[in-house]
Amino acid sequence: MSFTITRTLAPPPSYSALGKLAEKKNILVTGNERTGHFSGRGIEGDYDFGEAGLRGKFTGHGVTGEFYFAHGQVALTVTDKPFWLPEKLLNQKLTEGLAAFCDELG
């Protein structure tokens, strides 16, 4: 079971823009413009900024996955979820959350 949610995001966010949004949402980011860790509100993960964009992995509330921001697109892939959580509901909530996140960035 895995699924991916994508959304257009132009232009791709900068490290400073993501840092400001993380601070606003009480997400602690430790690291720099190349690599680091984030945590808060029951979620944590790691990220890497590279030539292809921002990539990372996350885990929280029983959900595990990966994300990337590259070339005007953001994608969120869920690789594992609790057995009791319906995929349709999780997909809907993450799609709504990703839309709100992208709206706040730009």
Protein backbone atom coordinates (compact mmCIF):
# COMPACT_ATOMS: atom_id res chain seq x y z
CA MET A 1 0.00 0.00 0.00
CA SER A 2 1.43 3.30 -1.06
CA PHE A 3 0.04 6.33 -2.82
CA THR A 4 1.31 9.71 -3.98
CA ILE A 5 -0.33 13.12 -3.90
CA THR A 6 1.07 15.82 -6.20
CA ARG A 7 0.44 19.51 -6.61
CA THR A 8 1.89 22.26 -8.78
CA LEU A 9 3.89 24.80 -6.84
CA ALA A 10 5.57 27.63 -8.71
CA PRO A 11 8.14 28.79 -7.92
CA PRO A 12 9.70 26.09 -5.74
CA PRO A 13 10.08 27.29 -2.13
CA SER A 14 13.40 28.47 -0.80
CA TYR A 15 14.95 27.14 2.38
CA SER A 16 14.23 30.44 4.14
CA ALA A 17 10.54 30.40 3.09
CA LEU A 18 10.15 26.84 4.37
CA GLY A 19 11.96 27.77 7.59
CA LYS A 20 9.62 30.69 8.22
CA LEU A 21 6.56 28.52 7.65
CA ALA A 22 7.96 25.79 9.91
CA GLU A 23 8.55 28.33 12.68
CA LYS A 24 5.00 29.66 12.27
CA LYS A 25 3.67 26.08 12.63
CA ASN A 26 5.89 25.30 15.67
CA ILE A 27 8.02 22.82 13.74
CA LEU A 28 11.60 22.67 14.98
CA VAL A 29 14.16 22.49 12.17
CA THR A 30 17.74 21.54 13.01
CA GLY A 31 20.13 21.63 10.13
CA ASN A 32 21.04 23.95 7.31
CA GLU A 33 20.32 24.67 3.66
CA ARG A 34 21.65 21.25 2.62
CA THR A 35 20.49 18.68 5.17
CA GLY A 36 18.71 18.44 8.49
CA HIS A 37 15.95 17.16 10.71
CA PHE A 38 12.50 18.50 11.61
CA SER A 39 10.04 17.64 14.38
CA GLY A 40 6.84 18.88 15.95
CA ARG A 41 3.17 18.09 16.51
CA GLY A 42 3.73 14.34 16.45
CA ILE A 43 5.72 14.24 13.22
CA GLU A 44 9.43 14.10 12.49
CA GLY A 45 11.71 13.52 9.57
CA ASP A 46 14.86 14.33 7.66
CA TYR A 47 15.45 16.41 4.55
CA ASP A 48 18.13 17.04 1.91
CA PHE A 49 18.36 19.99 -0.47
CA GLY A 50 20.13 19.06 -3.70
CA GLU A 51 20.27 19.95 -7.36
CA ALA A 52 16.98 18.12 -7.93
CA GLY A 53 15.21 20.04 -5.14
CA LEU A 54 14.17 19.22 -1.60
CA ARG A 55 13.66 15.57 -0.68
CA GLY A 56 12.91 13.97 2.64
CA LYS A 57 11.28 11.28 4.72
CA PHE A 58 8.77 11.64 7.53
CA THR A 59 6.97 9.60 10.15
CA GLY A 60 4.16 10.53 12.49
CA HIS A 61 0.84 9.32 13.85
CA GLY A 62 1.56 5.86 12.43
CA VAL A 63 2.07 7.18 8.89
CA THR A 64 5.43 6.92 7.10
CA GLY A 65 6.38 8.46 3.80
CA GLU A 66 8.53 10.64 1.58
CA PHE A 67 8.19 14.09 0.05
CA TYR A 68 9.87 16.23 -2.57
CA PHE A 69 9.73 19.74 -3.95
CA ALA A 70 11.24 20.04 -7.42
CA HIS A 71 10.73 22.05 -10.61
CA GLY A 72 7.47 23.64 -9.51
CA GLN A 73 5.91 20.47 -8.16
CA VAL A 74 5.45 19.05 -4.70
CA ALA A 75 4.76 15.38 -4.07
CA LEU A 76 3.93 13.48 -0.92
CA THR A 77 4.14 9.67 -0.95
CA VAL A 78 2.70 7.60 1.88
CA THR A 79 4.53 4.29 2.15
CA ASP A 80 2.92 2.89 5.31
CA LYS A 81 -0.13 3.64 7.44
CA PRO A 82 -1.97 2.05 10.38
CA PHE A 83 -4.21 -0.82 9.29
CA TRP A 84 -7.26 0.80 10.88
CA LEU A 85 -6.94 4.10 8.98
CA PRO A 86 -8.87 4.06 5.66
CA GLU A 87 -6.66 5.03 2.71
CA LYS A 88 -9.41 7.20 1.21
CA LEU A 89 -9.70 9.28 4.40
CA LEU A 90 -5.92 9.62 4.75
CA ASN A 91 -5.61 10.64 1.09
CA GLN A 92 -8.33 13.28 1.53
CA LYS A 93 -6.79 14.76 4.71
CA LEU A 94 -3.29 14.84 3.24
CA THR A 95 -4.55 16.41 0.00
CA GLU A 96 -6.30 19.13 2.02
CA GLY A 97 -3.21 19.65 4.18
CA LEU A 98 -0.89 19.84 1.19
CA ALA A 99 -3.16 22.40 -0.49
CA ALA A 100 -3.19 24.57 2.65
CA PHE A 101 0.60 24.23 2.97
CA CYS A 102 1.16 25.30 -0.64
CA ASP A 103 -1.26 28.22 -0.27
CA GLU A 104 0.68 29.45 2.76
CA LEU A 105 3.96 29.30 0.85
CA GLY A 106 2.85 31.50 -1.94
